[in-house]
């Protein structure tokens, strides 16, 4: 049985998700999996978990980079300085997440909406730049394969500059 503070946080999340007309699943009574539509990263799945004293907000950003790891992780660490309520982090495999915690007393529909907006902004606005830093060689190989095989390059167009002026990476 949830405490009143947990029940209030769950109700705030339900309200925020409904008001924003977002797709959400409830894998457990205290957890939500919310789908946020993006432009660069087509979908960001956000895990919201109401714990004993805080709300965990977490999303997978991208897998461990194939190359330029130092540059890649340093860039993410620099981004953390300007982020609200969350930060980029890496797991034991080097895969990257965006996560944060706020006290249950701060969980309101407005704050949940704000956090979801931040997650979407941080994930979507930085996704292509992350791919350029950590996966440029793979992007070039994929481009060449699609071009030689006659497949569409439409979803790679954002990376055309990597092909036209390959540079290091």
N, C-alpha and C. Protein backbone atom coordinates (compact mmCIF):
# COMPACT_ATOMS: atom_id res chain seq x y z
N UNK A 1 0.84 -1.18 0.00
CA UNK A 1 0.00 0.00 0.00
C UNK A 1 0.89 1.25 0.00
N UNK A 2 0.73 2.13 -1.01
CA UNK A 2 1.58 3.32 -1.07
C UNK A 2 1.24 4.32 0.03
N UNK A 3 2.25 5.08 0.41
CA UNK A 3 2.03 6.17 1.36
C UNK A 3 1.23 7.26 0.65
N UNK A 4 0.76 8.23 1.39
CA UNK A 4 0.01 9.34 0.78
C UNK A 4 0.90 10.12 -0.17
N UNK A 5 2.16 10.31 0.20
CA UNK A 5 3.09 11.04 -0.65
C UNK A 5 3.33 10.29 -1.97
N UNK A 6 3.44 8.97 -1.91
CA UNK A 6 3.60 8.17 -3.12
C UNK A 6 2.33 8.22 -3.97
N UNK A 7 1.17 8.11 -3.34
CA UNK A 7 -0.11 8.17 -4.06
C UNK A 7 -0.28 9.52 -4.75
N UNK A 8 0.12 10.59 -4.07
CA UNK A 8 0.03 11.93 -4.68
C UNK A 8 0.97 12.04 -5.88
N UNK A 9 2.16 11.45 -5.77
CA UNK A 9 3.12 11.49 -6.89
C UNK A 9 2.58 10.70 -8.08
N UNK A 10 2.01 9.54 -7.81
CA UNK A 10 1.43 8.72 -8.88
C UNK A 10 0.30 9.48 -9.56
N UNK A 11 -0.55 10.12 -8.78
CA UNK A 11 -1.65 10.90 -9.34
C UNK A 11 -1.13 12.07 -10.17
N UNK A 12 -0.06 12.71 -9.73
CA UNK A 12 0.54 13.82 -10.48
C UNK A 12 1.08 13.34 -11.82
N UNK A 13 1.72 12.17 -11.83
CA UNK A 13 2.25 11.61 -13.08
C UNK A 13 1.09 11.28 -14.02
N UNK A 14 0.06 10.63 -13.50
CA UNK A 14 -1.11 10.30 -14.32
C UNK A 14 -1.72 11.55 -14.95
N UNK A 15 -1.84 12.61 -14.17
CA UNK A 15 -2.41 13.86 -14.67
C UNK A 15 -1.53 14.47 -15.76
N UNK A 16 -0.22 14.52 -15.51
CA UNK A 16 0.70 15.10 -16.50
C UNK A 16 0.67 14.33 -17.81
N UNK A 17 0.67 13.02 -17.73
CA UNK A 17 0.66 12.17 -18.93
C UNK A 17 -0.64 12.36 -19.71
N UNK A 18 -1.75 12.41 -18.97
CA UNK A 18 -3.05 12.60 -19.61
C UNK A 18 -3.15 13.98 -20.27
N UNK A 19 -2.75 15.02 -19.54
CA UNK A 19 -2.83 16.38 -20.08
C UNK A 19 -1.94 16.57 -21.31
N UNK A 20 -0.81 15.87 -21.36
CA UNK A 20 0.10 15.97 -22.52
C UNK A 20 -0.29 14.99 -23.63
N UNK A 21 -1.30 14.17 -23.38
CA UNK A 21 -1.77 13.18 -24.35
C UNK A 21 -0.63 12.27 -24.81
N UNK A 22 0.11 11.74 -23.83
CA UNK A 22 1.25 10.87 -24.13
C UNK A 22 0.85 9.40 -23.97
N UNK A 23 1.53 8.54 -24.71
CA UNK A 23 1.36 7.10 -24.53
C UNK A 23 2.16 6.67 -23.32
N UNK A 24 1.51 5.93 -22.42
CA UNK A 24 2.20 5.45 -21.23
C UNK A 24 1.68 4.08 -20.85
N UNK A 25 2.59 3.25 -20.37
CA UNK A 25 2.25 1.94 -19.83
C UNK A 25 2.54 1.94 -18.34
N UNK A 26 1.89 1.02 -17.64
CA UNK A 26 2.12 0.88 -16.20
C UNK A 26 2.61 -0.54 -15.93
N UNK A 27 3.92 -0.79 -16.10
CA UNK A 27 4.44 -2.15 -15.87
C UNK A 27 4.29 -2.61 -14.42
N UNK A 28 4.25 -1.64 -13.51
CA UNK A 28 4.03 -1.90 -12.09
C UNK A 28 3.19 -0.74 -11.54
N UNK A 29 2.52 -0.94 -10.44
CA UNK A 29 1.68 0.15 -9.91
C UNK A 29 2.43 1.44 -9.63
N UNK A 30 3.72 1.33 -9.29
CA UNK A 30 4.50 2.53 -8.94
C UNK A 30 5.38 3.02 -10.09
N UNK A 31 5.20 2.45 -11.28
CA UNK A 31 6.08 2.78 -12.40
C UNK A 31 5.31 3.08 -13.68
N UNK A 32 5.88 3.97 -14.46
CA UNK A 32 5.31 4.36 -15.75
C UNK A 32 6.41 4.27 -16.80
N UNK A 33 6.04 3.87 -18.00
CA UNK A 33 6.92 3.91 -19.15
C UNK A 33 6.24 4.81 -20.17
N UNK A 34 6.80 6.00 -20.36
CA UNK A 34 6.17 7.03 -21.17
C UNK A 34 6.94 7.17 -22.48
N UNK A 35 6.21 7.19 -23.60
CA UNK A 35 6.81 7.36 -24.93
C UNK A 35 6.71 8.81 -25.34
N UNK A 36 7.87 9.41 -25.64
CA UNK A 36 7.92 10.80 -26.10
C UNK A 36 8.35 10.83 -27.56
N UNK A 37 7.54 11.41 -28.43
CA UNK A 37 7.92 11.50 -29.85
C UNK A 37 8.95 12.58 -30.07
N UNK A 38 9.95 12.29 -30.90
CA UNK A 38 11.01 13.26 -31.18
C UNK A 38 11.17 13.51 -32.65
N UNK A 39 12.15 14.34 -32.98
CA UNK A 39 12.46 14.65 -34.37
C UNK A 39 13.71 13.91 -34.83
N UNK A 40 14.79 14.00 -34.06
CA UNK A 40 16.04 13.35 -34.43
C UNK A 40 16.06 11.91 -33.90
N UNK A 41 15.75 11.76 -32.65
CA UNK A 41 15.56 10.44 -32.05
C UNK A 41 14.04 10.23 -32.06
N UNK A 42 13.58 9.34 -32.91
CA UNK A 42 12.15 9.25 -33.20
C UNK A 42 11.28 8.98 -31.98
N UNK A 43 11.80 8.22 -31.04
CA UNK A 43 11.03 7.95 -29.83
C UNK A 43 11.97 7.84 -28.65
N UNK A 44 11.60 8.48 -27.55
CA UNK A 44 12.35 8.37 -26.31
C UNK A 44 11.42 7.75 -25.28
N UNK A 45 11.80 6.60 -24.75
CA UNK A 45 11.02 5.94 -23.71
C UNK A 45 11.58 6.35 -22.35
N UNK A 46 10.71 6.89 -21.51
CA UNK A 46 11.13 7.40 -20.20
C UNK A 46 10.51 6.55 -19.11
N UNK A 47 11.35 6.09 -18.21
CA UNK A 47 10.94 5.31 -17.06
C UNK A 47 10.75 6.26 -15.89
N UNK A 48 9.56 6.28 -15.32
CA UNK A 48 9.27 7.06 -14.12
C UNK A 48 8.93 6.07 -13.01
N UNK A 49 9.70 6.09 -11.93
CA UNK A 49 9.48 5.15 -10.85
C UNK A 49 9.32 5.91 -9.53
N UNK A 50 8.18 5.72 -8.91
CA UNK A 50 7.90 6.34 -7.62
C UNK A 50 8.45 5.43 -6.54
N UNK A 51 9.52 5.89 -5.90
CA UNK A 51 10.15 5.12 -4.83
C UNK A 51 9.64 5.55 -3.47
N UNK A 52 10.32 5.11 -2.44
CA UNK A 52 9.91 5.42 -1.07
C UNK A 52 9.98 6.91 -0.78
N UNK A 53 11.00 7.58 -1.35
CA UNK A 53 11.19 9.00 -1.02
C UNK A 53 11.41 9.90 -2.22
N UNK A 54 11.57 9.29 -3.41
CA UNK A 54 11.88 10.12 -4.58
C UNK A 54 11.30 9.51 -5.85
N UNK A 55 11.24 10.35 -6.87
CA UNK A 55 10.84 9.93 -8.21
C UNK A 55 12.09 9.78 -9.05
N UNK A 56 12.28 8.59 -9.62
CA UNK A 56 13.38 8.35 -10.54
C UNK A 56 12.88 8.59 -11.96
N UNK A 57 13.63 9.38 -12.71
CA UNK A 57 13.35 9.63 -14.13
C UNK A 57 14.56 9.09 -14.88
N UNK A 58 14.34 8.16 -15.83
CA UNK A 58 15.48 7.56 -16.51
C UNK A 58 15.11 7.16 -17.93
N UNK A 59 16.04 7.39 -18.86
CA UNK A 59 15.85 6.97 -20.24
C UNK A 59 17.17 6.53 -20.84
N UNK A 60 17.09 5.56 -21.72
CA UNK A 60 18.26 5.14 -22.48
C UNK A 60 18.50 6.18 -23.56
N UNK A 61 19.76 6.63 -23.70
CA UNK A 61 20.10 7.63 -24.71
C UNK A 61 20.75 6.97 -25.92
N UNK A 62 21.83 6.25 -25.72
CA UNK A 62 22.48 5.52 -26.82
C UNK A 62 23.47 4.50 -26.25
N UNK A 63 23.84 3.57 -27.12
CA UNK A 63 24.79 2.55 -26.68
C UNK A 63 26.20 3.14 -26.60
N UNK A 64 27.09 2.35 -26.07
CA UNK A 64 28.49 2.74 -25.94
C UNK A 64 29.03 3.15 -27.31
N UNK A 65 29.79 4.24 -27.37
CA UNK A 65 30.31 4.67 -28.66
C UNK A 65 31.32 3.68 -29.23
N UNK A 66 31.37 3.62 -30.55
CA UNK A 66 32.33 2.76 -31.24
C UNK A 66 33.72 3.37 -31.30
N UNK A 67 33.78 4.70 -31.21
CA UNK A 67 35.05 5.41 -31.40
C UNK A 67 35.02 6.72 -30.61
N UNK A 68 36.17 7.32 -30.47
CA UNK A 68 36.30 8.64 -29.83
C UNK A 68 35.66 8.69 -28.45
N UNK A 69 35.85 7.63 -27.65
CA UNK A 69 35.19 7.56 -26.36
C UNK A 69 35.50 8.74 -25.45
N UNK A 70 36.76 9.14 -25.40
CA UNK A 70 37.12 10.26 -24.53
C UNK A 70 36.39 11.54 -24.92
N UNK A 71 36.40 11.85 -26.20
CA UNK A 71 35.71 13.04 -26.70
C UNK A 71 34.21 12.93 -26.43
N UNK A 72 33.66 11.76 -26.70
CA UNK A 72 32.23 11.50 -26.54
C UNK A 72 31.79 11.72 -25.09
N UNK A 73 32.45 11.05 -24.14
CA UNK A 73 32.04 11.15 -22.73
C UNK A 73 32.35 12.53 -22.15
N UNK A 74 33.44 13.16 -22.57
CA UNK A 74 33.76 14.51 -22.10
C UNK A 74 32.68 15.49 -22.54
N UNK A 75 32.24 15.37 -23.79
CA UNK A 75 31.18 16.22 -24.32
C UNK A 75 29.90 16.04 -23.49
N UNK A 76 29.52 14.78 -23.19
CA UNK A 76 28.33 14.55 -22.37
C UNK A 76 28.48 15.17 -20.98
N UNK A 77 29.65 15.04 -20.37
CA UNK A 77 29.89 15.62 -19.05
C UNK A 77 29.75 17.14 -19.09
N UNK A 78 30.19 17.76 -20.18
CA UNK A 78 30.05 19.20 -20.32
C UNK A 78 28.57 19.60 -20.46
N UNK A 79 27.80 18.78 -21.14
CA UNK A 79 26.36 19.06 -21.27
C UNK A 79 25.67 19.03 -19.91
N UNK A 80 26.14 18.16 -19.01
CA UNK A 80 25.51 18.03 -17.70
C UNK A 80 25.45 19.35 -16.93
N UNK A 81 26.39 20.22 -17.15
CA UNK A 81 26.45 21.48 -16.40
C UNK A 81 25.22 22.35 -16.61
N UNK A 82 24.56 22.23 -17.74
CA UNK A 82 23.42 23.09 -18.05
C UNK A 82 22.07 22.36 -18.01
N UNK A 83 22.05 21.14 -17.49
CA UNK A 83 20.82 20.36 -17.49
C UNK A 83 20.04 20.56 -16.19
N UNK A 84 18.73 20.53 -16.32
CA UNK A 84 17.85 20.69 -15.17
C UNK A 84 17.39 19.32 -14.65
N UNK A 85 17.66 19.03 -13.40
CA UNK A 85 17.10 17.88 -12.73
C UNK A 85 17.62 16.51 -13.12
N UNK A 86 18.55 16.45 -14.04
CA UNK A 86 19.05 15.15 -14.51
C UNK A 86 20.42 15.32 -15.13
N UNK A 87 21.03 14.19 -15.50
CA UNK A 87 22.36 14.24 -16.10
C UNK A 87 22.58 13.00 -16.96
N UNK A 88 23.53 13.10 -17.88
CA UNK A 88 23.96 11.94 -18.64
C UNK A 88 24.83 11.08 -17.73
N UNK A 89 24.71 9.77 -17.87
CA UNK A 89 25.55 8.84 -17.12
C UNK A 89 25.76 7.60 -17.97
N UNK A 90 26.75 6.82 -17.60
CA UNK A 90 27.06 5.58 -18.33
C UNK A 90 26.97 4.41 -17.37
N UNK A 91 26.51 3.27 -17.88
CA UNK A 91 26.48 2.07 -17.05
C UNK A 91 27.81 1.33 -17.18
N UNK A 92 27.90 0.15 -16.59
CA UNK A 92 29.16 -0.60 -16.58
C UNK A 92 29.60 -1.04 -17.97
N UNK A 93 28.71 -1.00 -18.96
CA UNK A 93 29.06 -1.37 -20.34
C UNK A 93 29.41 -0.15 -21.19
N UNK A 94 29.20 1.05 -20.65
CA UNK A 94 29.45 2.27 -21.39
C UNK A 94 28.22 2.81 -22.09
N UNK A 95 27.07 2.11 -21.98
CA UNK A 95 25.83 2.62 -22.57
C UNK A 95 25.39 3.87 -21.80
N UNK A 96 24.78 4.81 -22.50
CA UNK A 96 24.50 6.13 -21.94
C UNK A 96 23.01 6.28 -21.62
N UNK A 97 22.75 6.85 -20.47
CA UNK A 97 21.39 7.13 -19.98
C UNK A 97 21.29 8.59 -19.58
N UNK A 98 20.08 9.07 -19.53
CA UNK A 98 19.77 10.36 -18.91
C UNK A 98 18.92 10.02 -17.71
N UNK A 99 19.35 10.46 -16.53
CA UNK A 99 18.58 10.11 -15.33
C UNK A 99 18.64 11.22 -14.30
N UNK A 100 17.65 11.18 -13.41
CA UNK A 100 17.59 12.14 -12.32
C UNK A 100 16.62 11.68 -11.26
N UNK A 101 16.67 12.33 -10.11
CA UNK A 101 15.77 12.04 -9.00
C UNK A 101 15.31 13.36 -8.40
N UNK A 102 14.04 13.37 -8.04
CA UNK A 102 13.52 14.50 -7.29
C UNK A 102 12.74 13.97 -6.10
N UNK A 103 12.67 14.73 -5.02
CA UNK A 103 11.92 14.27 -3.86
C UNK A 103 10.43 14.18 -4.19
N UNK A 104 9.74 13.23 -3.58
CA UNK A 104 8.32 13.06 -3.85
C UNK A 104 7.53 14.33 -3.55
N UNK A 105 7.98 15.09 -2.57
CA UNK A 105 7.27 16.33 -2.22
C UNK A 105 7.29 17.35 -3.37
N UNK A 106 8.20 17.20 -4.32
CA UNK A 106 8.30 18.13 -5.45
C UNK A 106 7.54 17.65 -6.68
N UNK A 107 6.94 16.46 -6.61
CA UNK A 107 6.27 15.88 -7.77
C UNK A 107 4.86 16.46 -7.90
N UNK A 108 4.70 17.30 -8.93
CA UNK A 108 3.41 17.87 -9.29
C UNK A 108 3.21 17.62 -10.77
N UNK A 109 1.99 17.75 -11.28
CA UNK A 109 1.81 17.59 -12.73
C UNK A 109 2.70 18.54 -13.53
N UNK A 110 2.84 19.77 -13.07
CA UNK A 110 3.68 20.75 -13.76
C UNK A 110 5.15 20.30 -13.77
N UNK A 111 5.63 19.81 -12.63
CA UNK A 111 7.04 19.39 -12.55
C UNK A 111 7.28 18.14 -13.39
N UNK A 112 6.34 17.20 -13.40
CA UNK A 112 6.47 16.01 -14.24
C UNK A 112 6.52 16.43 -15.71
N UNK A 113 5.65 17.33 -16.11
CA UNK A 113 5.65 17.83 -17.49
C UNK A 113 6.99 18.49 -17.82
N UNK A 114 7.49 19.27 -16.89
CA UNK A 114 8.79 19.94 -17.08
C UNK A 114 9.91 18.92 -17.25
N UNK A 115 9.94 17.89 -16.39
CA UNK A 115 10.99 16.87 -16.47
C UNK A 115 10.90 16.08 -17.76
N UNK A 116 9.68 15.72 -18.17
CA UNK A 116 9.52 15.00 -19.44
C UNK A 116 9.98 15.87 -20.60
N UNK A 117 9.65 17.17 -20.55
CA UNK A 117 10.12 18.09 -21.59
C UNK A 117 11.63 18.19 -21.62
N UNK A 118 12.25 18.21 -20.45
CA UNK A 118 13.72 18.25 -20.38
C UNK A 118 14.33 16.98 -20.95
N UNK A 119 13.80 15.82 -20.58
CA UNK A 119 14.31 14.56 -21.10
C UNK A 119 14.23 14.56 -22.62
N UNK A 120 13.08 14.96 -23.15
CA UNK A 120 12.90 14.98 -24.60
C UNK A 120 13.89 15.94 -25.25
N UNK A 121 14.04 17.12 -24.69
CA UNK A 121 14.97 18.10 -25.24
C UNK A 121 16.39 17.58 -25.22
N UNK A 122 16.85 17.08 -24.08
CA UNK A 122 18.22 16.60 -23.96
C UNK A 122 18.48 15.41 -24.87
N UNK A 123 17.53 14.52 -24.98
CA UNK A 123 17.69 13.33 -25.82
C UNK A 123 17.64 13.69 -27.30
N UNK A 124 16.62 14.42 -27.68
CA UNK A 124 16.41 14.70 -29.09
C UNK A 124 17.44 15.68 -29.65
N UNK A 125 17.72 16.77 -28.92
CA UNK A 125 18.63 17.79 -29.45
C UNK A 125 20.08 17.33 -29.49
N UNK A 126 20.45 16.36 -28.69
CA UNK A 126 21.84 15.92 -28.63
C UNK A 126 22.11 14.59 -29.33
N UNK A 127 21.06 13.95 -29.85
CA UNK A 127 21.20 12.62 -30.41
C UNK A 127 22.12 12.59 -31.63
N UNK A 128 21.87 13.43 -32.62
CA UNK A 128 22.71 13.41 -33.82
C UNK A 128 24.15 13.78 -33.51
N UNK A 129 24.34 14.76 -32.63
CA UNK A 129 25.71 15.15 -32.26
C UNK A 129 26.43 13.99 -31.57
N UNK A 130 25.71 13.22 -30.77
CA UNK A 130 26.31 12.06 -30.12
C UNK A 130 26.70 11.01 -31.17
N UNK A 131 25.83 10.78 -32.13
CA UNK A 131 26.14 9.81 -33.19
C UNK A 131 27.35 10.26 -33.99
N UNK A 132 27.44 11.54 -34.28
CA UNK A 132 28.60 12.06 -35.03
C UNK A 132 29.89 11.84 -34.27
N UNK A 133 29.86 12.04 -32.95
CA UNK A 133 31.07 11.90 -32.15
C UNK A 133 31.47 10.43 -31.93
N UNK A 134 30.51 9.57 -31.74
CA UNK A 134 30.83 8.21 -31.35
C UNK A 134 30.62 7.13 -32.40
N UNK A 135 30.01 7.50 -33.55
CA UNK A 135 29.66 6.47 -34.53
C UNK A 135 29.87 6.93 -35.97
N UNK A 136 30.73 7.91 -36.20
CA UNK A 136 30.92 8.46 -37.55
C UNK A 136 31.35 7.40 -38.55
N UNK A 137 32.25 6.54 -38.18
CA UNK A 137 32.72 5.49 -39.12
C UNK A 137 31.57 4.56 -39.50
N UNK A 138 30.75 4.18 -38.54
CA UNK A 138 29.60 3.30 -38.82
C UNK A 138 28.59 4.01 -39.72
N UNK A 139 28.40 5.30 -39.52
CA UNK A 139 27.49 6.07 -40.36
C UNK A 139 28.02 6.09 -41.80
N UNK A 140 29.30 6.33 -41.96
CA UNK A 140 29.90 6.33 -43.30
C UNK A 140 29.75 4.97 -43.99
N UNK A 141 29.98 3.90 -43.24
CA UNK A 141 29.84 2.55 -43.81
C UNK A 141 28.39 2.28 -44.20
N UNK A 142 27.47 2.66 -43.36
CA UNK A 142 26.05 2.46 -43.65
C UNK A 142 25.64 3.26 -44.89
N UNK A 143 26.12 4.49 -44.97
CA UNK A 143 25.83 5.33 -46.13
C UNK A 143 26.32 4.66 -47.41
N UNK A 144 27.57 4.22 -47.40
CA UNK A 144 28.17 3.58 -48.58
C UNK A 144 27.40 2.31 -48.96
N UNK A 145 27.05 1.50 -47.98
CA UNK A 145 26.31 0.27 -48.26
C UNK A 145 24.94 0.58 -48.87
N UNK A 146 24.23 1.53 -48.28
CA UNK A 146 22.90 1.88 -48.81
C UNK A 146 23.01 2.46 -50.21
N UNK A 147 24.00 3.29 -50.42
CA UNK A 147 24.19 3.90 -51.73
C UNK A 147 24.49 2.83 -52.79
N UNK A 148 25.39 1.91 -52.46
CA UNK A 148 25.77 0.88 -53.43
C UNK A 148 24.66 -0.15 -53.64
N UNK A 149 23.78 -0.30 -52.66
CA UNK A 149 22.70 -1.28 -52.76
C UNK A 149 21.38 -0.68 -53.25
N UNK A 150 21.38 0.63 -53.44
CA UNK A 150 20.17 1.29 -53.92
C UNK A 150 19.10 1.53 -52.86
N UNK A 151 19.49 1.50 -51.60
CA UNK A 151 18.53 1.75 -50.53
C UNK A 151 18.44 3.24 -50.22
N UNK A 152 17.34 3.63 -49.62
CA UNK A 152 17.10 5.02 -49.28
C UNK A 152 18.13 5.55 -48.27
N UNK A 153 18.52 6.78 -48.49
CA UNK A 153 19.43 7.48 -47.57
C UNK A 153 18.66 8.50 -46.72
N UNK A 154 17.34 8.49 -46.83
CA UNK A 154 16.51 9.52 -46.21
C UNK A 154 16.80 9.72 -44.73
N UNK A 155 16.86 8.64 -43.96
CA UNK A 155 17.08 8.84 -42.52
C UNK A 155 18.55 9.06 -42.16
N UNK A 156 19.42 9.11 -43.15
CA UNK A 156 20.83 9.44 -42.91
C UNK A 156 21.19 10.85 -43.40
N UNK A 157 20.24 11.54 -44.00
CA UNK A 157 20.51 12.86 -44.58
C UNK A 157 21.13 13.84 -43.59
N UNK A 158 20.76 13.74 -42.32
CA UNK A 158 21.31 14.65 -41.31
C UNK A 158 22.83 14.50 -41.18
N UNK A 159 23.36 13.40 -41.72
CA UNK A 159 24.79 13.12 -41.60
C UNK A 159 25.54 13.28 -42.92
N UNK A 160 24.89 13.88 -43.91
CA UNK A 160 25.51 14.05 -45.23
C UNK A 160 26.88 14.75 -45.12
N UNK A 161 26.99 15.71 -44.21
CA UNK A 161 28.26 16.43 -44.05
C UNK A 161 29.41 15.50 -43.65
N UNK A 162 29.11 14.39 -43.00
CA UNK A 162 30.16 13.42 -42.65
C UNK A 162 30.70 12.71 -43.89
N UNK A 163 29.85 12.61 -44.91
CA UNK A 163 30.23 11.92 -46.15
C UNK A 163 30.96 12.89 -47.07
N UNK A 164 30.46 14.12 -47.13
CA UNK A 164 31.03 15.10 -48.05
C UNK A 164 32.39 15.62 -47.59
N UNK A 165 32.62 15.64 -46.27
CA UNK A 165 33.93 16.01 -45.74
C UNK A 165 34.24 15.06 -44.58
N UNK A 166 34.71 13.86 -44.92
CA UNK A 166 34.87 12.79 -43.94
C UNK A 166 35.68 13.10 -42.70
N UNK A 167 36.79 13.78 -42.80
CA UNK A 167 37.60 14.11 -41.61
C UNK A 167 37.91 12.89 -40.77
N UNK A 168 38.48 13.13 -39.56
CA UNK A 168 38.84 12.01 -38.66
C UNK A 168 37.60 11.38 -38.03
N UNK A 169 37.72 10.14 -37.59
CA UNK A 169 36.64 9.48 -36.88
C UNK A 169 36.18 8.34 -37.65
